[in-house]
C-alpha atoms as a PDB file:
ATOM      1  CA  MET A   1       4.639 -33.916  52.936  1.00  0.00           C
ATOM      2  CA  CYS A   2       4.017 -30.451  51.501  1.00  0.00           C
ATOM      3  CA  GLN A   3       6.837 -28.357  50.151  1.00  0.00           C
ATOM      4  CA  SER A   4       6.599 -24.604  50.686  1.00  0.00           C
ATOM      5  CA  ILE A   5       8.825 -22.068  49.007  1.00  0.00           C
ATOM      6  CA  VAL A   6       8.839 -18.282  49.223  1.00  0.00           C
ATOM      7  CA  TRP A   7      10.305 -16.486  46.225  1.00  0.00           C
ATOM      8  CA  LYS A   8      10.915 -12.767  46.228  1.00  0.00           C
ATOM      9  CA  GLU A   9      12.649 -10.234  44.020  1.00  0.00           C
ATOM     10  CA  ARG A  10      13.417  -6.730  45.134  1.00  0.00           C
ATOM     11  CA  SER A  11      10.831  -5.228  42.773  1.00  0.00           C
ATOM     12  CA  MET A  12       8.071  -7.706  43.590  1.00  0.00           C
ATOM     13  CA  GLN A  13       5.866  -8.734  46.441  1.00  0.00           C
ATOM     14  CA  ALA A  14       6.683 -12.181  47.821  1.00  0.00           C
ATOM     15  CA  LEU A  15       5.269 -15.115  45.870  1.00  0.00           C
ATOM     16  CA  GLN A  16       4.602 -18.167  48.042  1.00  0.00           C
ATOM     17  CA  TYR A  17       3.755 -21.586  46.725  1.00  0.00           C
ATOM     18  CA  THR A  18       3.078 -24.960  48.268  1.00  0.00           C
ATOM     19  CA  ARG A  19       3.022 -28.274  46.394  1.00  0.00           C
ATOM     20  CA  ASP A  20       0.969 -30.915  48.205  1.00  0.00           C
ATOM     21  CA  PRO A  21       1.576 -34.338  46.615  1.00  0.00           C
ATOM     22  CA  VAL A  22      -0.970 -36.063  48.878  1.00  0.00           C
ATOM     23  CA  GLY A  23      -3.776 -33.621  48.093  1.00  0.00           C
ATOM     24  CA  ASP A  24      -2.400 -33.257  44.529  1.00  0.00           C
ATOM     25  CA  THR A  25      -2.582 -29.468  44.652  1.00  0.00           C
ATOM     26  CA  LEU A  26      -0.375 -26.468  43.949  1.00  0.00           C
ATOM     27  CA  THR A  27      -1.229 -23.371  45.988  1.00  0.00           C
ATOM     28  CA  VAL A  28       0.222 -19.993  45.001  1.00  0.00           C
ATOM     29  CA  TRP A  29      -0.166 -16.791  47.012  1.00  0.00           C
ATOM     30  CA  TYR A  30       0.364 -13.373  45.371  1.00  0.00           C
ATOM     31  CA  GLY A  31      -0.718 -11.524  48.492  1.00  0.00           C
ATOM     32  CA  ASP A  32      -1.009 -12.045  52.223  1.00  0.00           C
ATOM     33  CA  PRO A  33      -2.790 -15.369  52.956  1.00  0.00           C
ATOM     34  CA  ASN A  34      -4.049 -13.895  56.235  1.00  0.00           C
ATOM     35  CA  THR A  35      -6.295 -11.505  54.275  1.00  0.00           C
ATOM     36  CA  GLU A  36      -8.223 -14.332  52.573  1.00  0.00           C
ATOM     37  CA  TYR A  37     -11.928 -13.588  52.793  1.00  0.00           C
ATOM     38  CA  ILE A  38     -13.656 -15.867  50.274  1.00  0.00           C
ATOM     39  CA  CYS A  39     -12.828 -18.655  47.790  1.00  0.00           C
ATOM     40  CA  GLU A  40     -14.348 -19.409  44.403  1.00  0.00           C
ATOM     41  CA  GLU A  41     -13.839 -22.530  42.274  1.00  0.00           C
ATOM     42  CA  THR A  42     -13.547 -22.054  38.504  1.00  0.00           C
ATOM     43  CA  GLU A  43     -14.601 -24.448  35.742  1.00  0.00           C
ATOM     44  CA  GLU A  44     -10.903 -25.328  35.294  1.00  0.00           C
ATOM     45  CA  GLU A  45     -10.764 -26.738  38.849  1.00  0.00           C
ATOM     46  CA  VAL A  46      -8.760 -23.797  40.133  1.00  0.00           C
ATOM     47  CA  ILE A  47      -9.747 -22.225  43.430  1.00  0.00           C
ATOM     48  CA  LEU A  48      -9.331 -18.451  43.568  1.00  0.00           C
ATOM     49  CA  MET A  49      -8.636 -17.024  47.010  1.00  0.00           C
ATOM     50  CA  LYS A  50      -9.800 -13.413  47.349  1.00  0.00           C
ATOM     51  CA  ASP A  51      -9.507 -10.673  49.921  1.00  0.00           C
ATOM     52  CA  ALA A  52     -12.473  -8.656  51.211  1.00  0.00           C
ATOM     53  CA  SER A  53     -12.324  -6.287  48.219  1.00  0.00           C
ATOM     54  CA  GLY A  54     -12.546  -9.191  45.753  1.00  0.00           C
ATOM     55  CA  THR A  55      -8.923  -9.036  44.629  1.00  0.00           C
ATOM     56  CA  VAL A  56      -7.387 -12.428  43.826  1.00  0.00           C
ATOM     57  CA  ILE A  57      -4.554 -12.994  46.291  1.00  0.00           C
ATOM     58  CA  GLY A  58      -3.957 -16.664  45.569  1.00  0.00           C
ATOM     59  CA  LYS A  59      -4.858 -19.749  43.564  1.00  0.00           C
ATOM     60  CA  GLU A  60      -5.042 -23.435  44.353  1.00  0.00           C
ATOM     61  CA  ILE A  61      -4.752 -25.748  41.342  1.00  0.00           C
ATOM     62  CA  LEU A  62      -6.477 -29.104  41.845  1.00  0.00           C
ATOM     63  CA  HIS A  63      -5.264 -32.382  40.262  1.00  0.00           C
ATOM     64  CA  VAL A  64      -1.946 -30.724  39.453  1.00  0.00           C
ATOM     65  CA  SER A  65       0.028 -33.924  38.774  1.00  0.00           C
ATOM     66  CA  SER A  66      -2.064 -34.637  35.683  1.00  0.00           C
ATOM     67  CA  ARG A  67      -1.452 -31.149  34.280  1.00  0.00           C
ATOM     68  CA  GLU A  68       1.945 -29.845  35.444  1.00  0.00           C
ATOM     69  CA  ALA A  69       2.667 -27.812  32.272  1.00  0.00           C
ATOM     70  CA  GLU A  70      -0.819 -26.303  32.286  1.00  0.00           C
ATOM     71  CA  ALA A  71      -0.421 -25.400  35.967  1.00  0.00           C
ATOM     72  CA  LEU A  72       2.499 -23.088  35.199  1.00  0.00           C
ATOM     73  CA  ASN A  73       0.394 -21.269  32.614  1.00  0.00           C
ATOM     74  CA  ILE A  74      -2.452 -20.915  35.128  1.00  0.00           C
ATOM     75  CA  VAL A  75      -0.066 -19.410  37.692  1.00  0.00           C
ATOM     76  CA  PHE A  76       2.183 -17.283  35.478  1.00  0.00           C
ATOM     77  CA  GLY A  77       0.130 -16.873  32.289  1.00  0.00           C
ATOM     78  CA  GLU A  78      -2.187 -14.090  31.266  1.00  0.00           C
ATOM     79  CA  THR A  79      -4.764 -15.093  33.862  1.00  0.00           C
ATOM     80  CA  ALA A  80      -2.257 -15.284  36.726  1.00  0.00           C
ATOM     81  CA  MET A  81      -3.475 -12.135  38.398  1.00  0.00           C
ATOM     82  CA  ALA A  82      -7.087 -12.207  37.178  1.00  0.00           C
END
């Protein structure tokens, strides 16, 4: 069963994330998932979801259970909005 949480502060756009223990993924949306246009997988086994202009609006981290600490850095680190 997936767990979805929406987190929002007054000064920020909503941040949505879903942890799927069966698929072993963590999906994080920085923007509107309905505007997803294309996906691209990185060498780090992270899928970048982009809108039509090429802006990253979300990430899906594969094999997240084997790298929980690294996953937080991928989501919130320097490359979080890349």
